[in-house]
Amino acid sequence: MPTIYLVSAAPGDRVPGHELADPDCPSAHFPGLLERQDVTAWLNAIPYNDDSPDELVYLVTEDDPGTIPAGFDTLMLEI
């Protein structure tokens, strides 16, 4: 079962992975990801929505090089 991470960041932060709004983001490889109750609750809590343009969320998979920096709000998911 693969493990992925969603990482909350601000513009200019250095985080591995792909921002969810990026057309190249591999979120399509995880059908239903953004509809999961745990994911939607986390996105609402940080908050990630149209009213928070300075909030970015990165999808980090096992294929993404690098380490998630300490101090970033992160949601770990087993898919």
PDB file of N, CA and C in Angstrom:
ATOM      1  N   MET A   1       0.841  -1.165   0.000  1.00  0.00           N
ATOM      2  CA  MET A   1       0.000   0.000   0.000  1.00  0.00           C
ATOM      3  C   MET A   1       0.897   1.243   0.000  1.00  0.00           C
ATOM      4  N   PRO A   2       0.829   2.061  -1.053  1.00  0.00           N
ATOM      5  CA  PRO A   2       1.701   3.240  -1.103  1.00  0.00           C
ATOM      6  C   PRO A   2       1.280   4.310  -0.093  1.00  0.00           C
ATOM      7  N   THR A   3       2.260   5.061   0.356  1.00  0.00           N
ATOM      8  CA  THR A   3       2.025   6.180   1.262  1.00  0.00           C
ATOM      9  C   THR A   3       2.288   7.469   0.494  1.00  0.00           C
ATOM     10  N   ILE A   4       1.371   8.399   0.605  1.00  0.00           N
ATOM     11  CA  ILE A   4       1.552   9.721   0.010  1.00  0.00           C
ATOM     12  C   ILE A   4       1.363  10.753   1.117  1.00  0.00           C
ATOM     13  N   TYR A   5       1.778  11.970   0.824  1.00  0.00           N
ATOM     14  CA  TYR A   5       1.673  13.059   1.790  1.00  0.00           C
ATOM     15  C   TYR A   5       1.082  14.278   1.109  1.00  0.00           C
ATOM     16  N   LEU A   6       0.261  15.012   1.835  1.00  0.00           N
ATOM     17  CA  LEU A   6      -0.168  16.338   1.430  1.00  0.00           C
ATOM     18  C   LEU A   6       0.524  17.302   2.385  1.00  0.00           C
ATOM     19  N   VAL A   7       1.146  18.323   1.816  1.00  0.00           N
ATOM     20  CA  VAL A   7       1.951  19.253   2.612  1.00  0.00           C
ATOM     21  C   VAL A   7       1.461  20.670   2.362  1.00  0.00           C
ATOM     22  N   SER A   8       1.125  21.371   3.439  1.00  0.00           N
ATOM     23  CA  SER A   8       0.699  22.759   3.364  1.00  0.00           C
ATOM     24  C   SER A   8       1.935  23.646   3.326  1.00  0.00           C
ATOM     25  N   ALA A   9       1.943  24.611   2.394  1.00  0.00           N
ATOM     26  CA  ALA A   9       3.096  25.505   2.252  1.00  0.00           C
ATOM     27  C   ALA A   9       2.630  26.862   1.745  1.00  0.00           C
ATOM     28  N   ALA A  10       3.527  27.807   1.786  1.00  0.00           N
ATOM     29  CA  ALA A  10       3.267  29.150   1.262  1.00  0.00           C
ATOM     30  C   ALA A  10       4.070  29.343  -0.015  1.00  0.00           C
ATOM     31  N   PRO A  11       3.663  30.287  -0.873  1.00  0.00           N
ATOM     32  CA  PRO A  11       4.453  30.553  -2.062  1.00  0.00           C
ATOM     33  C   PRO A  11       5.911  30.840  -1.694  1.00  0.00           C
ATOM     34  N   GLY A  12       6.820  30.247  -2.430  1.00  0.00           N
ATOM     35  CA  GLY A  12       8.246  30.430  -2.190  1.00  0.00           C
ATOM     36  C   GLY A  12       8.860  29.366  -1.304  1.00  0.00           C
ATOM     37  N   ASP A  13       8.034  28.613  -0.574  1.00  0.00           N
ATOM     38  CA  ASP A  13       8.566  27.522   0.244  1.00  0.00           C
ATOM     39  C   ASP A  13       9.111  26.427  -0.657  1.00  0.00           C
ATOM     40  N   ARG A  14      10.139  25.738  -0.198  1.00  0.00           N
ATOM     41  CA  ARG A  14      10.735  24.632  -0.948  1.00  0.00           C
ATOM     42  C   ARG A  14      10.224  23.317  -0.367  1.00  0.00           C
ATOM     43  N   VAL A  15       9.345  22.674  -1.140  1.00  0.00           N
ATOM     44  CA  VAL A  15       8.746  21.414  -0.741  1.00  0.00           C
ATOM     45  C   VAL A  15       8.823  20.477  -1.944  1.00  0.00           C
ATOM     46  N   PRO A  16       9.177  19.197  -1.739  1.00  0.00           N
ATOM     47  CA  PRO A  16       9.179  18.280  -2.881  1.00  0.00           C
ATOM     48  C   PRO A  16       7.743  18.017  -3.326  1.00  0.00           C
ATOM     49  N   GLY A  17       7.594  17.484  -4.510  1.00  0.00           N
ATOM     50  CA  GLY A  17       6.264  17.115  -4.990  1.00  0.00           C
ATOM     51  C   GLY A  17       5.691  18.120  -5.961  1.00  0.00           C
ATOM     52  N   HIS A  18       4.373  18.052  -6.127  1.00  0.00           N
ATOM     53  CA  HIS A  18       3.650  18.897  -7.075  1.00  0.00           C
ATOM     54  C   HIS A  18       2.514  19.606  -6.358  1.00  0.00           C
ATOM     55  N   GLU A  19       2.346  20.892  -6.620  1.00  0.00           N
ATOM     56  CA  GLU A  19       1.232  21.639  -6.056  1.00  0.00           C
ATOM     57  C   GLU A  19      -0.059  21.086  -6.666  1.00  0.00           C
ATOM     58  N   LEU A  20      -1.103  20.947  -5.859  1.00  0.00           N
ATOM     59  CA  LEU A  20      -2.352  20.343  -6.331  1.00  0.00           C
ATOM     60  C   LEU A  20      -2.931  21.055  -7.551  1.00  0.00           C
ATOM     61  N   ALA A  21      -2.762  22.369  -7.648  1.00  0.00           N
ATOM     62  CA  ALA A  21      -3.311  23.124  -8.771  1.00  0.00           C
ATOM     63  C   ALA A  21      -2.471  22.993 -10.038  1.00  0.00           C
ATOM     64  N   ASP A  22      -1.289  22.409  -9.939  1.00  0.00           N
ATOM     65  CA  ASP A  22      -0.405  22.228 -11.095  1.00  0.00           C
ATOM     66  C   ASP A  22      -0.987  21.160 -12.017  1.00  0.00           C
ATOM     67  N   PRO A  23      -1.145  21.464 -13.304  1.00  0.00           N
ATOM     68  CA  PRO A  23      -1.690  20.464 -14.238  1.00  0.00           C
ATOM     69  C   PRO A  23      -0.855  19.180 -14.295  1.00  0.00           C
ATOM     70  N   ASP A  24       0.419  19.247 -13.941  1.00  0.00           N
ATOM     71  CA  ASP A  24       1.274  18.058 -13.951  1.00  0.00           C
ATOM     72  C   ASP A  24       1.211  17.274 -12.644  1.00  0.00           C
ATOM     73  N   CYS A  25       0.393  17.718 -11.697  1.00  0.00           N
ATOM     74  CA  CYS A  25       0.282  17.025 -10.411  1.00  0.00           C
ATOM     75  C   CYS A  25      -0.290  15.626 -10.635  1.00  0.00           C
ATOM     76  N   PRO A  26       0.330  14.609 -10.052  1.00  0.00           N
ATOM     77  CA  PRO A  26      -0.134  13.236 -10.275  1.00  0.00           C
ATOM     78  C   PRO A  26      -1.356  12.847  -9.443  1.00  0.00           C
ATOM     79  N   SER A  27      -2.131  13.815  -8.970  1.00  0.00           N
ATOM     80  CA  SER A  27      -3.298  13.494  -8.143  1.00  0.00           C
ATOM     81  C   SER A  27      -4.304  12.629  -8.900  1.00  0.00           C
ATOM     82  N   ALA A  28      -4.320  12.708 -10.224  1.00  0.00           N
ATOM     83  CA  ALA A  28      -5.226  11.880 -11.020  1.00  0.00           C
ATOM     84  C   ALA A  28      -4.914  10.391 -10.866  1.00  0.00           C
ATOM     85  N   HIS A  29      -3.702  10.060 -10.425  1.00  0.00           N
ATOM     86  CA  HIS A  29      -3.328   8.667 -10.203  1.00  0.00           C
ATOM     87  C   HIS A  29      -3.951   8.115  -8.919  1.00  0.00           C
ATOM     88  N   PHE A  30      -4.596   8.978  -8.159  1.00  0.00           N
ATOM     89  CA  PHE A  30      -5.211   8.586  -6.895  1.00  0.00           C
ATOM     90  C   PHE A  30      -6.677   8.994  -6.923  1.00  0.00           C
ATOM     91  N   PRO A  31      -7.505   8.263  -7.685  1.00  0.00           N
ATOM     92  CA  PRO A  31      -8.917   8.639  -7.836  1.00  0.00           C
ATOM     93  C   PRO A  31      -9.618   8.776  -6.485  1.00  0.00           C
ATOM     94  N   GLY A  32     -10.409   9.817  -6.360  1.00  0.00           N
ATOM     95  CA  GLY A  32     -11.165  10.063  -5.144  1.00  0.00           C
ATOM     96  C   GLY A  32     -10.374  10.686  -4.015  1.00  0.00           C
ATOM     97  N   LEU A  33      -9.096  10.973  -4.248  1.00  0.00           N
ATOM     98  CA  LEU A  33      -8.239  11.518  -3.190  1.00  0.00           C
ATOM     99  C   LEU A  33      -8.837  12.773  -2.569  1.00  0.00           C
ATOM    100  N   LEU A  34      -9.219  13.715  -3.404  1.00  0.00           N
ATOM    101  CA  LEU A  34      -9.679  15.008  -2.896  1.00  0.00           C
ATOM    102  C   LEU A  34     -11.103  14.961  -2.362  1.00  0.00           C
ATOM    103  N   GLU A  35     -11.772  13.826  -2.501  1.00  0.00           N
ATOM    104  CA  GLU A  35     -13.117  13.664  -1.960  1.00  0.00           C
ATOM    105  C   GLU A  35     -13.118  12.878  -0.649  1.00  0.00           C
ATOM    106  N   ARG A  36     -11.970  12.349  -0.249  1.00  0.00           N
ATOM    107  CA  ARG A  36     -11.897  11.596   1.005  1.00  0.00           C
ATOM    108  C   ARG A  36     -12.222  12.516   2.170  1.00  0.00           C
ATOM    109  N   GLN A  37     -12.968  12.008   3.140  1.00  0.00           N
ATOM    110  CA  GLN A  37     -13.383  12.823   4.275  1.00  0.00           C
ATOM    111  C   GLN A  37     -12.189  13.340   5.073  1.00  0.00           C
ATOM    112  N   ASP A  38     -11.165  12.510   5.271  1.00  0.00           N
ATOM    113  CA  ASP A  38      -9.995  12.968   6.026  1.00  0.00           C
ATOM    114  C   ASP A  38      -9.237  14.059   5.278  1.00  0.00           C
ATOM    115  N   VAL A  39      -9.203  13.956   3.954  1.00  0.00           N
ATOM    116  CA  VAL A  39      -8.517  14.963   3.133  1.00  0.00           C
ATOM    117  C   VAL A  39      -9.300  16.273   3.129  1.00  0.00           C
ATOM    118  N   THR A  40     -10.606  16.203   2.890  1.00  0.00           N
ATOM    119  CA  THR A  40     -11.392  17.441   2.856  1.00  0.00           C
ATOM    120  C   THR A  40     -11.388  18.138   4.219  1.00  0.00           C
ATOM    121  N   ALA A  41     -11.421  17.365   5.304  1.00  0.00           N
ATOM    122  CA  ALA A  41     -11.362  17.973   6.640  1.00  0.00           C
ATOM    123  C   ALA A  41     -10.025  18.681   6.844  1.00  0.00           C
ATOM    124  N   TRP A  42      -8.934  18.054   6.418  1.00  0.00           N
ATOM    125  CA  TRP A  42      -7.606  18.655   6.567  1.00  0.00           C
ATOM    126  C   TRP A  42      -7.488  19.914   5.708  1.00  0.00           C
ATOM    127  N   LEU A  43      -7.953  19.848   4.446  1.00  0.00           N
ATOM    128  CA  LEU A  43      -7.893  21.013   3.560  1.00  0.00           C
ATOM    129  C   LEU A  43      -8.702  22.174   4.130  1.00  0.00           C
ATOM    130  N   ASN A  44      -9.852  21.885   4.705  1.00  0.00           N
ATOM    131  CA  ASN A  44     -10.667  22.948   5.307  1.00  0.00           C
ATOM    132  C   ASN A  44     -10.009  23.533   6.551  1.00  0.00           C
ATOM    133  N   ALA A  45      -9.291  22.708   7.288  1.00  0.00           N
ATOM    134  CA  ALA A  45      -8.662  23.157   8.535  1.00  0.00           C
ATOM    135  C   ALA A  45      -7.469  24.071   8.306  1.00  0.00           C
ATOM    136  N   ILE A  46      -6.740  23.903   7.162  1.00  0.00           N
ATOM    137  CA  ILE A  46      -5.501  24.685   7.024  1.00  0.00           C
ATOM    138  C   ILE A  46      -5.688  26.133   6.578  1.00  0.00           C
ATOM    139  N   PRO A  47      -6.582  26.755   6.038  1.00  0.00           N
ATOM    140  CA  PRO A  47      -7.559  26.355   5.045  1.00  0.00           C
ATOM    141  C   PRO A  47      -6.983  26.479   3.631  1.00  0.00           C
ATOM    142  N   TYR A  48      -7.408  25.587   2.770  1.00  0.00           N
ATOM    143  CA  TYR A  48      -6.997  25.597   1.360  1.00  0.00           C
ATOM    144  C   TYR A  48      -8.265  25.805   0.555  1.00  0.00           C
ATOM    145  N   ASN A  49      -8.487  27.058   0.112  1.00  0.00           N
ATOM    146  CA  ASN A  49      -9.679  27.374  -0.684  1.00  0.00           C
ATOM    147  C   ASN A  49      -9.443  28.681  -1.432  1.00  0.00           C
ATOM    148  N   ASP A  50     -10.455  29.110  -2.164  1.00  0.00           N
ATOM    149  CA  ASP A  50     -10.324  30.332  -2.973  1.00  0.00           C
ATOM    150  C   ASP A  50     -10.095  31.582  -2.126  1.00  0.00           C
ATOM    151  N   ASP A  51     -10.483  31.528  -0.847  1.00  0.00           N
ATOM    152  CA  ASP A  51     -10.294  32.684   0.032  1.00  0.00           C
ATOM    153  C   ASP A  51      -8.884  32.751   0.606  1.00  0.00           C
ATOM    154  N   SER A  52      -8.067  31.744   0.333  1.00  0.00           N
ATOM    155  CA  SER A  52      -6.696  31.685   0.867  1.00  0.00           C
ATOM    156  C   SER A  52      -5.695  31.486  -0.271  1.00  0.00           C
ATOM    157  N   PRO A  53      -5.509  32.504  -1.115  1.00  0.00           N
ATOM    158  CA  PRO A  53      -4.646  32.325  -2.286  1.00  0.00           C
ATOM    159  C   PRO A  53      -3.172  32.085  -1.948  1.00  0.00           C
ATOM    160  N   ASP A  54      -2.756  32.416  -0.731  1.00  0.00           N
ATOM    161  CA  ASP A  54      -1.354  32.215  -0.365  1.00  0.00           C
ATOM    162  C   ASP A  54      -1.103  30.854   0.271  1.00  0.00           C
ATOM    163  N   GLU A  55      -2.106  29.995   0.288  1.00  0.00           N
ATOM    164  CA  GLU A  55      -1.962  28.648   0.837  1.00  0.00           C
ATOM    165  C   GLU A  55      -1.826  27.660  -0.317  1.00  0.00           C
ATOM    166  N   LEU A  56      -0.728  26.936  -0.336  1.00  0.00           N
ATOM    167  CA  LEU A  56      -0.487  25.924  -1.358  1.00  0.00           C
ATOM    168  C   LEU A  56      -0.462  24.555  -0.691  1.00  0.00           C
ATOM    169  N   VAL A  57      -0.871  23.531  -1.431  1.00  0.00           N
ATOM    170  CA  VAL A  57      -0.793  22.166  -0.927  1.00  0.00           C
ATOM    171  C   VAL A  57      -0.054  21.336  -1.961  1.00  0.00           C
ATOM    172  N   TYR A  58       0.971  20.640  -1.498  1.00  0.00           N
ATOM    173  CA  TYR A  58       1.788  19.802  -2.354  1.00  0.00           C
ATOM    174  C   TYR A  58       1.462  18.339  -2.118  1.00  0.00           C
ATOM    175  N   LEU A  59       1.403  17.579  -3.207  1.00  0.00           N
ATOM    176  CA  LEU A  59       1.258  16.129  -3.157  1.00  0.00           C
ATOM    177  C   LEU A  59       2.650  15.544  -3.293  1.00  0.00           C
ATOM    178  N   VAL A  60       3.061  14.787  -2.295  1.00  0.00           N
ATOM    179  CA  VAL A  60       4.383  14.173  -2.293  1.00  0.00           C
ATOM    180  C   VAL A  60       4.186  12.657  -2.336  1.00  0.00           C
ATOM    181  N   THR A  61       4.754  12.029  -3.362  1.00  0.00           N
ATOM    182  CA  THR A  61       4.639  10.584  -3.514  1.00  0.00           C
ATOM    183  C   THR A  61       6.006   9.942  -3.293  1.00  0.00           C
ATOM    184  N   GLU A  62       6.032   8.625  -3.328  1.00  0.00           N
ATOM    185  CA  GLU A  62       7.290   7.896  -3.176  1.00  0.00           C
ATOM    186  C   GLU A  62       8.259   8.210  -4.314  1.00  0.00           C
ATOM    187  N   ASP A  63       7.738   8.719  -5.436  1.00  0.00           N
ATOM    188  CA  ASP A  63       8.582   9.044  -6.587  1.00  0.00           C
ATOM    189  C   ASP A  63       9.214  10.421  -6.492  1.00  0.00           C
ATOM    190  N   ASP A  64       8.785  11.226  -5.527  1.00  0.00           N
ATOM    191  CA  ASP A  64       9.301  12.589  -5.404  1.00  0.00           C
ATOM    192  C   ASP A  64      10.593  12.595  -4.604  1.00  0.00           C
ATOM    193  N   PRO A  65      11.666  13.119  -5.208  1.00  0.00           N
ATOM    194  CA  PRO A  65      12.930  13.172  -4.469  1.00  0.00           C
ATOM    195  C   PRO A  65      12.878  14.252  -3.392  1.00  0.00           C
ATOM    196  N   GLY A  66      13.631  14.069  -2.371  1.00  0.00           N
ATOM    197  CA  GLY A  66      13.706  15.085  -1.332  1.00  0.00           C
ATOM    198  C   GLY A  66      12.939  14.669  -0.096  1.00  0.00           C
ATOM    199  N   THR A  67      13.077  15.482   0.900  1.00  0.00           N
ATOM    200  CA  THR A  67      12.466  15.225   2.191  1.00  0.00           C
ATOM    201  C   THR A  67      11.542  16.378   2.516  1.00  0.00           C
ATOM    202  N   ILE A  68      10.426  16.070   3.144  1.00  0.00           N
ATOM    203  CA  ILE A  68       9.515  17.126   3.567  1.00  0.00           C
ATOM    204  C   ILE A  68      10.179  17.872   4.722  1.00  0.00           C
ATOM    205  N   PRO A  69      10.358  19.170   4.572  1.00  0.00           N
ATOM    206  CA  PRO A  69      11.007  19.929   5.646  1.00  0.00           C
ATOM    207  C   PRO A  69      10.197  19.910   6.942  1.00  0.00           C
ATOM    208  N   ALA A  70      10.867  19.974   8.064  1.00  0.00           N
ATOM    209  CA  ALA A  70      10.200  20.016   9.365  1.00  0.00           C
ATOM    210  C   ALA A  70       9.389  21.305   9.483  1.00  0.00           C
ATOM    211  N   GLY A  71       8.317  21.228  10.220  1.00  0.00           N
ATOM    212  CA  GLY A  71       7.530  22.423  10.504  1.00  0.00           C
ATOM    213  C   GLY A  71       6.380  22.674   9.556  1.00  0.00           C
ATOM    214  N   PHE A  72       6.210  21.846   8.536  1.00  0.00           N
ATOM    215  CA  PHE A  72       5.112  22.020   7.598  1.00  0.00           C
ATOM    216  C   PHE A  72       3.953  21.134   8.012  1.00  0.00           C
ATOM    217  N   ASP A  73       2.735  21.688   7.974  1.00  0.00           N
ATOM    218  CA  ASP A  73       1.543  20.908   8.291  1.00  0.00           C
ATOM    219  C   ASP A  73       1.412  19.826   7.205  1.00  0.00           C
ATOM    220  N   THR A  74       1.377  18.562   7.621  1.00  0.00           N
ATOM    221  CA  THR A  74       1.430  17.441   6.690  1.00  0.00           C
ATOM    222  C   THR A  74       0.368  16.406   7.036  1.00  0.00           C
ATOM    223  N   LEU A  75      -0.262  15.867   6.000  1.00  0.00           N
ATOM    224  CA  LEU A  75      -1.224  14.780   6.161  1.00  0.00           C
ATOM    225  C   LEU A  75      -0.652  13.554   5.453  1.00  0.00           C
ATOM    226  N   MET A  76      -0.425  12.466   6.202  1.00  0.00           N
ATOM    227  CA  MET A  76       0.067  11.226   5.614  1.00  0.00           C
ATOM    228  C   MET A  76      -1.121  10.330   5.311  1.00  0.00           C
ATOM    229  N   LEU A  77      -1.111   9.744   4.102  1.00  0.00           N
ATOM    230  CA  LEU A  77      -2.208   8.894   3.666  1.00  0.00           C
ATOM    231  C   LEU A  77      -1.674   7.585   3.097  1.00  0.00           C
ATOM    232  N   GLU A  78      -2.285   6.487   3.477  1.00  0.00           N
ATOM    233  CA  GLU A  78      -1.993   5.213   2.838  1.00  0.00           C
ATOM    234  C   GLU A  78      -3.077   4.992   1.804  1.00  0.00           C
ATOM    235  N   ILE A  79      -2.665   4.798   0.578  1.00  0.00           N
ATOM    236  CA  ILE A  79      -3.611   4.677  -0.538  1.00  0.00           C
ATOM    237  C   ILE A  79      -3.719   3.220  -0.960  1.00  0.00           C
TER     238      ILE A  79
END
